[in-house]
Amino acid sequence: MLVAILAGAMTWLATSTLARSARSRAELEAASALALAKAKEALLAYVAHYAARADHQVPGRMPCPEPLSPPAGQEGVAASLACTGNTQTYVGRLPWRTLGIDPLRDGSGEPLWYVLGPGFRSAPINFDSRGGLALDGAAHAAVALIIAPGAPLDTSLETVAPPAGCARTNQSALRYPKPFVAFDPAQFLECGNAGGTYRSGDAAPWGNDRVLAITDAEVMRAIAGPLADRLQRAVAPAIAAWDASEFAATGKSWGATHGITYLPFAAPFGNPALGAYCGESGAQEGLPPIAARATTACNSAWSGAATPSAGLENLGCAALATELRCSFRSAGSVLPSGARISAQAAHVAGSFRGTLTAADAGVSHGGSATLVLSLSAASGRGSATLDVAWPGPLGAGEVVVVSVPHLPDARLLQDTRLAWFLNNQWYRHVHYAVAPAAVLGAPAACALPGDPGCIAVHGLPSSTGAAGDKRLVLTLMGQALPFQSRACATDLNANGIADCDDAAQYLEAENAVSGDRAFRADWRVPTPAAVPPPWPPLNDRIATCPLHHTRHNGSIVQVCG
């Protein structure tokens, strides 16, 4: 009986010990999982916060890890000087101070580690950006990894061979080095996690890391809302007021100086990677027309010819890098001399170009000039007529020169509010629509909401103004949804090049319908066209002009005029 009692007690003790051990392991795993989840939430919140800031020029940029040898008192602060490249992988502990959170530790009490892969430190970062880290053999699996390192391991005496990617290690001795000595990731991470072949699976007894990935899709979802807000508050107002801004900066503009007001025509919609971003006459929907003048496909340099008066020999006109230059030789007539220069520049109405006045022309030998500029709605071309006169007779054989500077890029293309948008190539992910009333040679007016020259945007809060009075719509085209394909394998143009001009692969539902002058910002609100539910998925985000915000006290803030 005594033996039986002792045997039962031993059995109970063993079972209880095993249960406590199992429960302890589960609690450690749960603690590690919770810490990893909190770290991921903090990292994505950090990225979203900075994406929303008007002074942040690289939305989507991830913070760096803590340096492997952090200065005293700077534990948890992200590295800066040594973490600027866009092609490297950076490894260190989680920068909890930079994230604005408390220190996070895994179930074993160890601080979390953080790996940042290539591609998310400097411009361009946009919806095309792919995670640069492979995980479990899958390429582009992660932008960053958060790792719970677990307790120190000693596998130096294991008798069996380690699996592929793992090695014997003894982390007990040098895990925490003396001050001013850099941390060695191999003292914390195992089975490739310290050396670049990252794995998330359990490799016990050779590894005890727990790995949580942050994907590029998660980063883009975190910043899409803030980017749409900046698109509405900065980019759309800047585009809508580009002519007024030009006048404010230079004292001249198409509208104020020449009486020609317009928003540029849209660039043809197609493969954003191949787009010239140069508007075509008559196009009211497509890609943003933000190409610089110097680009070959959107060159707005003057070309032209001169007609001199009697007594001047025409030496010809030449289009130089910065100007159209025309030269004449005098025959020595006693009568005053003069000439007319007629010039044309392509793509002016399909781009953001500054303008000229007669004072910008250069006339040698004391001559004076008058200038008339015009734009063609049919071709988008600009025309210049420069009449030059010299007040007195010119000496025989004297050569006089007239120069007409090429139209400069509008100040909009150097606007600091648009630097993040242009430098990160977000224009590749924005659909541009301009109302019929706002283009050159407007065929219809937009005086009241619902006029045929207006665009309608449905689904915006009523506090933002009327739905049917819009003159400009910018649509941030989200990442491809499951039913969309942007591989363009079968969408080829006549030359066999993928042109990807199917808007339904980038925009959803009503937004993908061209020419109906209607867009939708929120499919949770029924459309006036009475489209029956269920409504399709929608990840488009709209910025539009005009738009205002009504405060709780009834006062109105004009966001975009």
Protein backbone atom coordinates (compact mmCIF):
# COMPACT_ATOMS: atom_id res chain seq x y z
CA MET A 1 0.00 0.00 0.00
CA LEU A 2 2.87 2.36 0.86
CA VAL A 3 4.53 1.59 -2.46
CA ALA A 4 1.25 2.31 -4.28
CA ILE A 5 0.84 5.63 -2.47
CA LEU A 6 4.40 6.64 -3.28
CA ALA A 7 3.94 5.65 -6.93
CA GLY A 8 0.75 7.72 -7.16
CA ALA A 9 2.44 10.72 -5.59
CA MET A 10 5.33 10.45 -8.01
CA THR A 11 2.92 10.26 -10.95
CA TRP A 12 0.98 13.30 -9.75
CA LEU A 13 4.19 15.27 -9.21
CA ALA A 14 5.49 14.43 -12.71
CA THR A 15 2.15 15.28 -14.34
CA SER A 16 1.89 18.55 -12.43
CA THR A 17 5.43 19.52 -13.35
CA LEU A 18 4.82 18.77 -17.04
CA ALA A 19 1.59 20.79 -16.96
CA ARG A 20 3.35 23.74 -15.35
CA SER A 21 6.12 23.48 -17.93
CA ALA A 22 3.66 23.37 -20.83
CA ARG A 23 1.68 26.22 -19.36
CA SER A 24 4.87 28.24 -18.93
CA ARG A 25 5.91 27.67 -22.54
CA ALA A 26 2.47 28.72 -23.74
CA GLU A 27 2.63 31.86 -21.61
CA LEU A 28 6.08 32.70 -22.99
CA GLU A 29 4.86 32.24 -26.56
CA ALA A 30 1.81 34.39 -25.86
CA ALA A 31 3.96 37.13 -24.36
CA SER A 32 6.26 37.07 -27.39
CA ALA A 33 3.33 37.16 -29.80
CA LEU A 34 1.80 40.13 -27.97
CA ALA A 35 5.09 42.05 -28.03
CA LEU A 36 5.55 41.37 -31.75
CA ALA A 37 2.02 42.53 -32.51
CA LYS A 38 2.51 45.74 -30.52
CA ALA A 39 5.77 46.43 -32.33
CA LYS A 40 4.15 45.94 -35.73
CA GLU A 41 1.27 48.22 -34.82
CA ALA A 42 3.73 50.90 -33.66
CA LEU A 43 5.83 50.67 -36.83
CA LEU A 44 2.82 51.01 -39.12
CA ALA A 45 1.43 53.86 -37.03
CA TYR A 46 4.81 55.61 -37.27
CA VAL A 47 4.82 55.28 -41.06
CA ALA A 48 1.22 56.52 -41.32
CA HIS A 49 1.95 59.48 -39.04
CA TYR A 50 4.91 60.68 -41.07
CA ALA A 51 3.10 60.10 -44.37
CA ALA A 52 0.48 62.60 -43.19
CA ARG A 53 3.01 65.32 -42.31
CA ALA A 54 3.34 68.11 -44.85
CA ASP A 55 7.08 68.39 -44.10
CA HIS A 56 7.81 64.71 -44.74
CA GLN A 57 9.16 64.15 -48.23
CA VAL A 58 9.29 60.33 -48.44
CA PRO A 59 5.92 58.89 -47.37
CA GLY A 60 6.31 55.20 -46.63
CA ARG A 61 9.89 55.49 -45.36
CA MET A 62 10.44 53.02 -42.53
CA PRO A 63 12.48 53.89 -39.43
CA CYS A 64 15.92 52.37 -39.04
CA PRO A 65 16.84 49.89 -36.29
CA GLU A 66 18.74 50.97 -33.22
CA PRO A 67 22.52 50.99 -33.93
CA LEU A 68 24.35 47.84 -32.92
CA SER A 69 26.48 50.06 -30.70
CA PRO A 70 24.03 52.67 -29.36
CA PRO A 71 25.50 55.67 -27.50
CA ALA A 72 24.91 55.73 -23.78
CA GLY A 73 21.42 56.99 -23.01
CA GLN A 74 20.34 56.52 -26.64
CA GLU A 75 19.04 52.98 -26.40
CA GLY A 76 15.92 52.62 -28.51
CA VAL A 77 16.77 55.52 -30.84
CA ALA A 78 16.86 54.69 -34.55
CA ALA A 79 20.16 54.94 -36.38
CA SER A 80 20.35 57.88 -38.76
CA LEU A 81 23.75 58.64 -40.27
CA ALA A 82 24.56 55.01 -41.02
CA CYS A 83 21.09 54.16 -42.32
CA THR A 84 20.42 56.18 -45.47
CA GLY A 85 20.87 53.81 -48.39
CA ASN A 86 18.02 52.21 -50.30
CA THR A 87 19.85 49.03 -51.30
CA GLN A 88 21.04 47.71 -47.94
CA THR A 89 19.57 45.61 -45.14
CA TYR A 90 19.81 47.04 -41.64
CA VAL A 91 19.71 44.89 -38.49
CA GLY A 92 19.43 46.03 -34.90
CA ARG A 93 17.10 46.18 -31.94
CA LEU A 94 13.65 47.76 -32.20
CA PRO A 95 13.89 51.61 -31.98
CA TRP A 96 11.21 51.93 -29.32
CA ARG A 97 12.07 55.51 -28.35
CA THR A 98 11.79 56.63 -31.96
CA LEU A 99 8.42 54.90 -32.22
CA GLY A 100 7.25 56.65 -29.04
CA ILE A 101 6.44 53.46 -27.13
CA ASP A 102 7.69 51.66 -24.03
CA PRO A 103 10.43 49.04 -24.45
CA LEU A 104 9.02 45.75 -25.68
CA ARG A 105 10.39 42.37 -24.57
CA ASP A 106 9.55 38.85 -25.60
CA GLY A 107 8.44 36.06 -23.28
CA SER A 108 12.04 35.45 -22.21
CA GLY A 109 12.54 39.09 -21.26
CA GLU A 110 14.69 39.88 -24.29
CA PRO A 111 14.34 43.16 -26.25
CA LEU A 112 12.87 42.73 -29.73
CA TRP A 113 15.04 42.89 -32.83
CA TYR A 114 14.16 44.61 -36.10
CA VAL A 115 15.36 44.03 -39.66
CA LEU A 116 14.72 46.64 -42.36
CA GLY A 117 15.14 45.50 -45.93
CA PRO A 118 16.09 47.49 -49.06
CA GLY A 119 13.79 49.91 -50.85
CA PHE A 120 12.06 51.77 -48.01
CA ARG A 121 14.53 54.43 -46.91
CA SER A 122 14.74 56.93 -49.81
CA ALA A 123 12.70 58.05 -52.80
CA PRO A 124 11.03 56.77 -54.82
CA ILE A 125 8.62 54.89 -52.57
CA ASN A 126 5.14 54.30 -53.97
CA PHE A 127 2.60 51.56 -54.71
CA ASP A 128 5.15 49.88 -57.01
CA SER A 129 7.65 49.45 -54.18
CA ARG A 130 8.24 45.83 -53.22
CA GLY A 131 9.49 44.39 -49.98
CA GLY A 132 13.19 43.65 -50.28
CA LEU A 133 13.41 40.76 -47.81
CA ALA A 134 12.94 37.09 -48.61
CA LEU A 135 11.30 35.00 -45.90
CA ASP A 136 11.16 31.19 -45.85
CA GLY A 137 12.54 31.24 -49.39
CA ALA A 138 9.82 33.52 -50.79
CA ALA A 139 11.18 36.63 -52.51
CA HIS A 140 9.75 40.09 -51.71
CA ALA A 141 7.95 38.63 -48.71
CA ALA A 142 8.59 41.52 -46.34
CA VAL A 143 9.57 45.15 -46.05
CA ALA A 144 10.74 44.55 -42.48
CA LEU A 145 10.89 41.78 -39.88
CA ILE A 146 10.35 42.00 -36.14
CA ILE A 147 12.06 39.19 -34.23
CA ALA A 148 11.60 37.93 -30.68
CA PRO A 149 15.04 36.37 -30.05
CA GLY A 150 14.09 34.12 -27.15
CA ALA A 151 16.43 32.89 -24.42
CA PRO A 152 20.12 32.24 -25.19
CA LEU A 153 20.78 28.90 -26.88
CA ASP A 154 23.71 26.52 -26.57
CA THR A 155 23.66 23.90 -29.31
CA SER A 156 27.42 23.43 -29.43
CA LEU A 157 27.16 19.89 -28.00
CA GLU A 158 24.27 18.65 -30.15
CA THR A 159 25.22 15.32 -31.68
CA VAL A 160 23.05 15.46 -34.80
CA ALA A 161 23.81 17.67 -37.73
CA PRO A 162 21.88 21.00 -37.85
CA PRO A 163 19.29 21.45 -40.60
CA ALA A 164 20.01 23.57 -43.66
CA GLY A 165 20.47 27.22 -42.75
CA CYS A 166 21.22 26.51 -39.08
CA ALA A 167 24.52 26.08 -37.26
CA ARG A 168 25.78 25.16 -33.82
CA THR A 169 26.00 28.14 -31.51
CA ASN A 170 26.63 29.12 -27.93
CA GLN A 171 24.97 32.44 -27.15
CA SER A 172 25.39 32.41 -23.40
CA ALA A 173 28.75 34.09 -23.03
CA LEU A 174 28.76 37.17 -25.24
CA ARG A 175 25.10 38.08 -25.68
CA TYR A 176 25.48 41.40 -23.83
CA PRO A 177 28.97 42.83 -24.46
CA LYS A 178 30.81 45.42 -22.47
CA PRO A 179 29.96 49.11 -22.98
CA PHE A 180 31.00 50.61 -26.35
CA VAL A 181 31.21 47.15 -27.93
CA ALA A 182 28.70 46.48 -30.68
CA PHE A 183 26.00 43.86 -30.30
CA ASP A 184 26.53 40.73 -32.37
CA PRO A 185 23.21 39.66 -33.98
CA ALA A 186 24.45 36.05 -34.00
CA GLN A 187 24.34 36.06 -30.20
CA PHE A 188 20.56 36.62 -30.39
CA LEU A 189 19.30 35.27 -33.72
CA GLU A 190 19.68 31.83 -35.26
CA CYS A 191 19.15 29.82 -38.43
CA GLY A 192 19.86 32.60 -40.92
CA ASN A 193 18.02 35.37 -39.09
CA ALA A 194 21.36 36.95 -38.20
CA GLY A 195 22.81 36.48 -41.67
CA GLY A 196 20.13 37.32 -44.21
CA THR A 197 18.39 34.00 -44.98
CA TYR A 198 15.35 34.69 -42.86
CA ARG A 199 12.98 32.00 -41.67
CA SER A 200 9.88 32.11 -39.52
CA GLY A 201 9.41 28.45 -38.70
CA ASP A 202 10.32 26.71 -35.48
CA ALA A 203 13.82 25.26 -35.78
CA ALA A 204 14.12 23.81 -32.25
CA PRO A 205 16.52 23.01 -30.76
CA TRP A 206 18.67 24.97 -33.26
CA GLY A 207 16.68 28.18 -33.14
CA ASN A 208 14.00 29.78 -30.99
CA ASP A 209 13.35 33.04 -32.86
CA ARG A 210 9.78 34.17 -33.45
CA VAL A 211 9.43 36.32 -36.57
CA LEU A 212 6.64 38.67 -37.65
CA ALA A 213 6.74 40.23 -41.13
CA ILE A 214 5.57 43.64 -42.32
CA THR A 215 4.62 43.43 -46.00
CA ASP A 216 4.63 46.13 -48.66
CA ALA A 217 0.83 45.84 -48.92
CA GLU A 218 0.53 46.60 -45.20
CA VAL A 219 2.77 49.65 -45.49
CA MET A 220 0.79 50.94 -48.47
CA ARG A 221 -2.52 50.44 -46.69
CA ALA A 222 -1.14 52.39 -43.75
CA ILE A 223 -0.14 55.40 -45.86
CA ALA A 224 -2.95 55.45 -48.45
CA GLY A 225 -5.28 57.54 -46.28
CA PRO A 226 -2.64 60.12 -45.29
CA LEU A 227 -1.50 60.38 -48.91
CA ALA A 228 -5.05 60.99 -50.09
CA ASP A 229 -5.33 63.75 -47.50
CA ARG A 230 -2.14 65.40 -48.76
CA LEU A 231 -3.37 64.99 -52.31
CA GLN A 232 -6.51 66.91 -51.33
CA ARG A 233 -4.86 69.56 -49.17
CA ALA A 234 -1.71 70.24 -51.19
CA VAL A 235 -1.59 68.75 -54.69
CA ALA A 236 -5.12 69.47 -55.91
CA PRO A 237 -5.09 73.11 -54.70
CA ALA A 238 -1.66 73.66 -56.25
CA ILE A 239 -2.80 72.30 -59.62
CA ALA A 240 -6.11 74.15 -59.55
CA ALA A 241 -4.37 77.47 -58.81
CA TRP A 242 -1.26 76.93 -60.92
CA ASP A 243 -1.82 79.99 -63.12
CA ALA A 244 -2.43 82.30 -60.15
CA SER A 245 0.69 80.94 -58.44
CA GLU A 246 2.67 81.59 -61.62
CA PHE A 247 1.55 85.22 -61.63
CA ALA A 248 2.32 85.63 -57.93
CA ALA A 249 5.85 84.26 -58.43
CA THR A 250 6.80 85.92 -61.74
CA GLY A 251 4.37 88.78 -62.33
CA LYS A 252 3.07 87.12 -65.49
CA SER A 253 0.87 84.18 -66.41
CA TRP A 254 -1.33 82.93 -69.22
CA GLY A 255 -4.45 84.14 -67.49
CA ALA A 256 -3.28 87.49 -66.11
CA THR A 257 -0.99 88.48 -68.98
CA HIS A 258 -2.68 86.98 -72.03
CA GLY A 259 -6.25 86.35 -70.90
CA ILE A 260 -5.98 82.59 -71.45
CA THR A 261 -7.10 80.49 -68.47
CA TYR A 262 -7.04 76.71 -68.54
CA LEU A 263 -6.09 73.48 -66.85
CA PRO A 264 -3.86 71.36 -69.10
CA PHE A 265 -5.28 68.49 -71.11
CA ALA A 266 -4.76 64.99 -69.68
CA ALA A 267 -2.00 62.67 -70.77
CA PRO A 268 -3.19 59.42 -72.40
CA PHE A 269 -3.97 56.72 -69.86
CA GLY A 270 -1.70 53.72 -70.21
CA ASN A 271 1.19 51.87 -68.63
CA PRO A 272 2.35 54.34 -65.96
CA ALA A 273 5.92 53.11 -66.31
CA LEU A 274 5.98 54.13 -69.97
CA GLY A 275 3.83 57.26 -69.85
CA ALA A 276 5.17 60.54 -71.24
CA TYR A 277 2.86 62.51 -68.90
CA CYS A 278 2.26 65.02 -71.69
CA GLY A 279 -1.34 66.08 -72.32
CA GLU A 280 -3.02 65.61 -75.68
CA SER A 281 -5.44 68.15 -77.07
CA GLY A 282 -9.05 67.39 -76.15
CA ALA A 283 -8.21 64.74 -73.54
CA GLN A 284 -10.06 65.36 -70.27
CA GLU A 285 -9.15 62.13 -68.44
CA GLY A 286 -5.91 60.21 -68.12
CA LEU A 287 -2.57 60.59 -66.38
CA PRO A 288 -1.39 63.90 -64.88
CA PRO A 289 0.33 66.17 -67.46
CA ILE A 290 3.37 66.91 -65.34
CA ALA A 291 6.20 66.30 -67.83
CA ALA A 292 8.97 68.89 -67.79
CA ARG A 293 9.56 70.96 -70.92
CA ALA A 294 12.92 69.37 -71.59
CA THR A 295 11.54 65.83 -71.96
CA THR A 296 11.66 64.67 -75.56
CA ALA A 297 8.03 63.60 -75.67
CA CYS A 298 6.80 66.91 -74.27
CA ASN A 299 9.29 69.39 -75.70
CA SER A 300 7.82 72.88 -75.87
CA ALA A 301 10.80 74.58 -77.51
CA TRP A 302 10.04 77.26 -80.08
CA SER A 303 10.58 76.61 -83.78
CA GLY A 304 9.91 79.26 -86.38
CA ALA A 305 11.02 81.64 -89.06
CA ALA A 306 11.54 85.36 -89.58
CA THR A 307 10.42 87.84 -92.22
CA PRO A 308 12.65 90.96 -92.30
CA SER A 309 11.81 94.32 -93.81
CA ALA A 310 13.64 95.75 -96.78
CA GLY A 311 17.26 96.46 -96.02
CA LEU A 312 17.76 93.36 -93.85
CA GLU A 313 19.08 90.04 -95.06
CA ASN A 314 17.59 87.03 -93.26
CA LEU A 315 20.36 84.84 -91.89
CA GLY A 316 17.88 82.33 -90.48
CA CYS A 317 16.49 81.17 -87.14
CA ALA A 318 17.94 78.37 -85.01
CA ALA A 319 16.36 76.57 -82.04
CA LEU A 320 19.08 76.47 -79.38
CA ALA A 321 18.95 74.80 -75.97
CA THR A 322 17.40 77.79 -74.23
CA GLU A 323 16.01 80.00 -76.99
CA LEU A 324 15.00 80.56 -80.59
CA ARG A 325 17.62 82.86 -82.12
CA CYS A 326 17.12 84.75 -85.38
CA SER A 327 19.87 86.77 -87.11
CA PHE A 328 19.83 89.46 -89.79
CA ARG A 329 22.47 91.40 -91.76
CA SER A 330 21.91 95.04 -92.61
CA ALA A 331 22.41 96.34 -96.14
CA GLY A 332 22.99 99.86 -94.80
CA SER A 333 19.60 101.35 -95.62
CA VAL A 334 18.88 104.87 -94.33
CA LEU A 335 15.38 103.71 -93.31
CA PRO A 336 14.58 102.13 -89.94
CA SER A 337 14.66 98.33 -90.04
CA GLY A 338 12.26 95.74 -88.65
CA ALA A 339 11.35 92.05 -88.71
CA ARG A 340 8.53 89.72 -87.73
CA ILE A 341 9.28 86.39 -86.10
CA SER A 342 6.58 83.71 -86.11
CA ALA A 343 7.16 80.74 -83.83
CA GLN A 344 5.31 77.68 -82.58
CA ALA A 345 5.76 75.46 -79.52
CA ALA A 346 4.12 72.05 -79.10
CA HIS A 347 2.30 70.64 -76.06
CA VAL A 348 1.79 73.98 -74.31
CA ALA A 349 -1.90 73.41 -73.54
CA GLY A 350 -1.11 69.86 -72.48
CA SER A 351 1.49 70.78 -69.89
CA PHE A 352 2.27 73.25 -67.12
CA ARG A 353 4.30 75.96 -68.86
CA GLY A 354 5.12 79.48 -67.87
CA THR A 355 4.72 82.35 -70.29
CA LEU A 356 6.63 85.29 -71.78
CA THR A 357 6.26 88.99 -72.35
CA ALA A 358 8.00 91.21 -74.88
CA ALA A 359 10.50 92.20 -72.19
CA ASP A 360 11.80 88.62 -72.16
CA ALA A 361 12.90 88.85 -75.80
CA GLY A 362 16.47 89.88 -76.48
CA VAL A 363 16.98 92.43 -79.27
CA SER A 364 20.46 93.67 -80.08
CA HIS A 365 21.43 97.17 -81.25
CA GLY A 366 18.77 98.92 -79.19
CA GLY A 367 15.77 97.41 -80.93
CA SER A 368 12.34 97.02 -79.33
CA ALA A 369 9.68 94.33 -79.64
CA THR A 370 6.00 93.61 -79.19
CA LEU A 371 4.78 90.09 -78.52
CA VAL A 372 1.45 88.33 -79.05
CA LEU A 373 0.96 84.79 -77.71
CA SER A 374 -1.93 82.41 -78.34
CA LEU A 375 -2.82 78.77 -77.68
CA SER A 376 -4.72 76.39 -79.93
CA ALA A 377 -7.37 74.17 -78.38
CA ALA A 378 -7.33 71.97 -81.47
CA SER A 379 -3.62 71.16 -81.34
CA GLY A 380 -2.47 72.37 -77.92
CA ARG A 381 0.29 74.32 -79.62
CA GLY A 382 1.42 77.77 -78.60
CA SER A 383 2.05 80.49 -81.18
CA ALA A 384 4.17 83.62 -80.83
CA THR A 385 4.33 86.66 -83.10
CA LEU A 386 7.22 88.98 -82.30
CA ASP A 387 7.44 92.29 -84.15
CA VAL A 388 10.87 93.91 -83.84
CA ALA A 389 11.89 97.42 -84.81
CA TRP A 390 15.20 99.30 -84.73
CA PRO A 391 14.80 103.04 -84.14
CA GLY A 392 17.44 104.19 -86.59
CA PRO A 393 19.36 102.99 -89.65
CA LEU A 394 21.85 100.19 -89.22
CA GLY A 395 25.32 100.22 -90.64
CA ALA A 396 26.06 98.19 -93.75
CA GLY A 397 27.08 94.65 -92.83
CA GLU A 398 25.97 94.93 -89.22
CA VAL A 399 24.45 91.68 -87.87
CA VAL A 400 21.54 92.04 -85.46
CA VAL A 401 20.16 89.23 -83.34
CA VAL A 402 16.73 88.57 -81.82
CA SER A 403 16.28 85.83 -79.23
CA VAL A 404 12.99 84.40 -77.90
CA PRO A 405 13.44 82.27 -74.75
CA HIS A 406 11.70 78.92 -74.73
CA LEU A 407 8.66 78.73 -72.46
CA PRO A 408 9.87 77.75 -68.98
CA ASP A 409 8.35 75.07 -66.81
CA ALA A 410 5.62 76.52 -64.64
CA ARG A 411 6.56 77.15 -61.02
CA LEU A 412 4.14 74.36 -60.12
CA LEU A 413 6.74 71.76 -61.09
CA GLN A 414 9.10 73.20 -58.46
CA ASP A 415 6.39 73.83 -55.88
CA THR A 416 7.63 72.52 -52.52
CA ARG A 417 4.11 71.27 -51.76
CA LEU A 418 4.49 68.81 -54.65
CA ALA A 419 8.07 67.67 -53.99
CA TRP A 420 7.00 64.43 -52.27
CA PHE A 421 4.47 63.76 -55.06
CA LEU A 422 6.96 64.24 -57.91
CA ASN A 423 10.12 62.81 -56.33
CA ASN A 424 8.39 59.59 -55.28
CA GLN A 425 6.61 59.26 -58.64
CA TRP A 426 3.16 59.18 -57.09
CA TYR A 427 1.86 60.64 -60.35
CA ARG A 428 2.13 57.09 -61.67
CA HIS A 429 -0.70 56.17 -59.34
CA VAL A 430 -3.00 59.14 -59.87
CA HIS A 431 -5.79 59.49 -62.43
CA TYR A 432 -6.30 63.08 -63.63
CA ALA A 433 -9.69 64.37 -64.79
CA VAL A 434 -10.41 67.96 -65.75
CA ALA A 435 -13.90 69.37 -66.34
CA PRO A 436 -14.97 70.36 -69.87
CA ALA A 437 -15.32 73.95 -68.66
CA ALA A 438 -11.72 74.09 -67.39
CA VAL A 439 -9.78 73.07 -70.50
CA LEU A 440 -8.66 75.35 -73.30
CA GLY A 441 -11.52 76.12 -75.69
CA ALA A 442 -14.11 74.95 -73.14
CA PRO A 443 -17.16 73.50 -74.93
CA ALA A 444 -19.51 74.03 -71.96
CA ALA A 445 -19.77 76.17 -68.86
CA CYS A 446 -19.58 75.20 -65.18
CA ALA A 447 -21.32 78.07 -63.45
CA LEU A 448 -23.72 76.09 -61.27
CA PRO A 449 -23.62 72.55 -59.86
CA GLY A 450 -24.83 70.11 -62.48
CA ASP A 451 -23.86 72.25 -65.47
CA PRO A 452 -22.62 70.23 -68.47
CA GLY A 453 -19.15 71.68 -68.06
CA CYS A 454 -18.78 70.32 -64.50
CA ILE A 455 -17.63 67.00 -63.05
CA ALA A 456 -19.66 65.30 -60.30
CA VAL A 457 -18.09 63.50 -57.34
CA HIS A 458 -20.59 61.44 -55.36
CA GLY A 459 -20.10 60.07 -51.87
CA LEU A 460 -18.35 63.03 -50.26
CA PRO A 461 -19.81 64.40 -47.02
CA SER A 462 -22.37 67.14 -47.61
CA SER A 463 -20.25 69.45 -45.44
CA THR A 464 -17.66 69.61 -48.22
CA GLY A 465 -19.96 71.36 -50.69
CA ALA A 466 -21.97 70.47 -53.78
CA ALA A 467 -21.35 67.19 -55.59
CA GLY A 468 -21.74 68.47 -59.14
CA ASP A 469 -19.55 71.58 -59.34
CA LYS A 470 -16.08 70.02 -59.67
CA ARG A 471 -13.49 71.28 -62.14
CA LEU A 472 -10.63 68.92 -61.19
CA VAL A 473 -10.56 65.35 -59.85
CA LEU A 474 -7.40 63.49 -58.80
CA THR A 475 -7.94 59.82 -57.99
CA LEU A 476 -5.29 57.94 -56.04
CA MET A 477 -5.42 54.50 -57.62
CA GLY A 478 -4.81 51.95 -54.89
CA GLN A 479 -2.90 48.70 -55.24
CA ALA A 480 -4.49 46.12 -57.50
CA LEU A 481 -7.52 44.38 -56.04
CA PRO A 482 -7.97 40.60 -56.48
CA PHE A 483 -10.04 41.03 -59.65
CA GLN A 484 -7.53 43.41 -61.26
CA SER A 485 -4.42 42.53 -63.25
CA ARG A 486 -1.70 45.02 -64.11
CA ALA A 487 0.73 42.55 -65.61
CA CYS A 488 -0.39 43.72 -69.07
CA ALA A 489 0.63 40.41 -70.64
CA THR A 490 -2.23 40.55 -73.15
CA ASP A 491 -2.86 44.31 -73.25
CA LEU A 492 -0.52 45.20 -76.12
CA ASN A 493 -0.59 48.14 -78.50
CA ALA A 494 -0.01 47.98 -82.25
CA ASN A 495 3.75 47.82 -81.69
CA GLY A 496 3.47 44.87 -79.33
CA ILE A 497 4.28 46.97 -76.24
CA ALA A 498 2.22 46.58 -73.09
CA ASP A 499 0.22 49.80 -72.84
CA CYS A 500 -2.08 48.73 -69.98
CA ASP A 501 -4.71 51.24 -71.03
CA ASP A 502 -7.62 49.39 -69.44
CA ALA A 503 -8.71 51.79 -66.71
CA ALA A 504 -10.74 49.03 -65.01
CA GLN A 505 -7.44 47.43 -63.94
CA TYR A 506 -6.59 50.58 -61.96
CA LEU A 507 -9.93 52.19 -61.06
CA GLU A 508 -13.11 50.62 -59.79
CA ALA A 509 -16.73 50.78 -60.84
CA GLU A 510 -17.97 54.26 -61.78
CA ASN A 511 -14.46 55.71 -61.63
CA ALA A 512 -13.32 53.42 -64.43
CA VAL A 513 -16.02 54.69 -66.81
CA SER A 514 -14.50 57.34 -69.07
CA GLY A 515 -16.41 60.34 -70.33
CA ASP A 516 -19.43 60.24 -67.97
CA ARG A 517 -18.11 63.22 -65.92
CA ALA A 518 -18.88 61.32 -62.70
CA PHE A 519 -16.71 59.83 -59.98
CA ARG A 520 -17.42 58.16 -56.67
CA ALA A 521 -15.53 58.68 -53.44
CA ASP A 522 -17.42 56.18 -51.28
CA TRP A 523 -19.44 53.20 -52.48
CA ARG A 524 -21.19 52.94 -49.12
CA VAL A 525 -23.40 55.79 -50.34
CA PRO A 526 -25.92 54.92 -53.09
CA THR A 527 -25.26 56.55 -56.44
CA PRO A 528 -27.86 58.76 -58.15
CA ALA A 529 -27.78 56.31 -61.04
CA ALA A 530 -29.43 53.81 -58.65
CA VAL A 531 -26.82 51.11 -59.05
CA PRO A 532 -28.23 48.22 -57.00
CA PRO A 533 -26.16 46.61 -54.26
CA PRO A 534 -23.95 44.79 -53.72
CA TRP A 535 -21.54 47.53 -54.74
CA PRO A 536 -18.09 46.50 -55.96
CA PRO A 537 -14.94 46.85 -53.85
CA LEU A 538 -13.37 50.30 -54.05
CA ASN A 539 -9.93 51.43 -52.94
CA ASP A 540 -9.80 54.61 -55.03
CA ARG A 541 -9.36 57.79 -53.02
CA ILE A 542 -10.59 61.11 -54.42
CA ALA A 543 -9.19 64.64 -54.20
CA THR A 544 -11.19 67.34 -55.94
CA CYS A 545 -11.70 71.07 -56.50
CA PRO A 546 -13.66 73.03 -55.47
CA LEU A 547 -14.03 71.64 -51.95
CA HIS A 548 -14.51 73.15 -48.52
CA HIS A 549 -14.74 71.94 -44.95
CA THR A 550 -17.53 73.08 -42.63
CA ARG A 551 -16.43 73.28 -39.03
CA HIS A 552 -18.64 72.34 -36.10
CA ASN A 553 -19.35 76.01 -35.43
CA GLY A 554 -20.60 76.52 -38.98
CA SER A 555 -17.55 78.40 -40.29
CA ILE A 556 -16.21 77.27 -43.65
CA VAL A 557 -12.58 76.59 -44.51
CA GLN A 558 -11.85 76.57 -48.24
CA VAL A 559 -9.63 73.56 -48.92
CA CYS A 560 -9.55 73.97 -52.68
CA GLY A 561 -11.11 76.81 -54.65
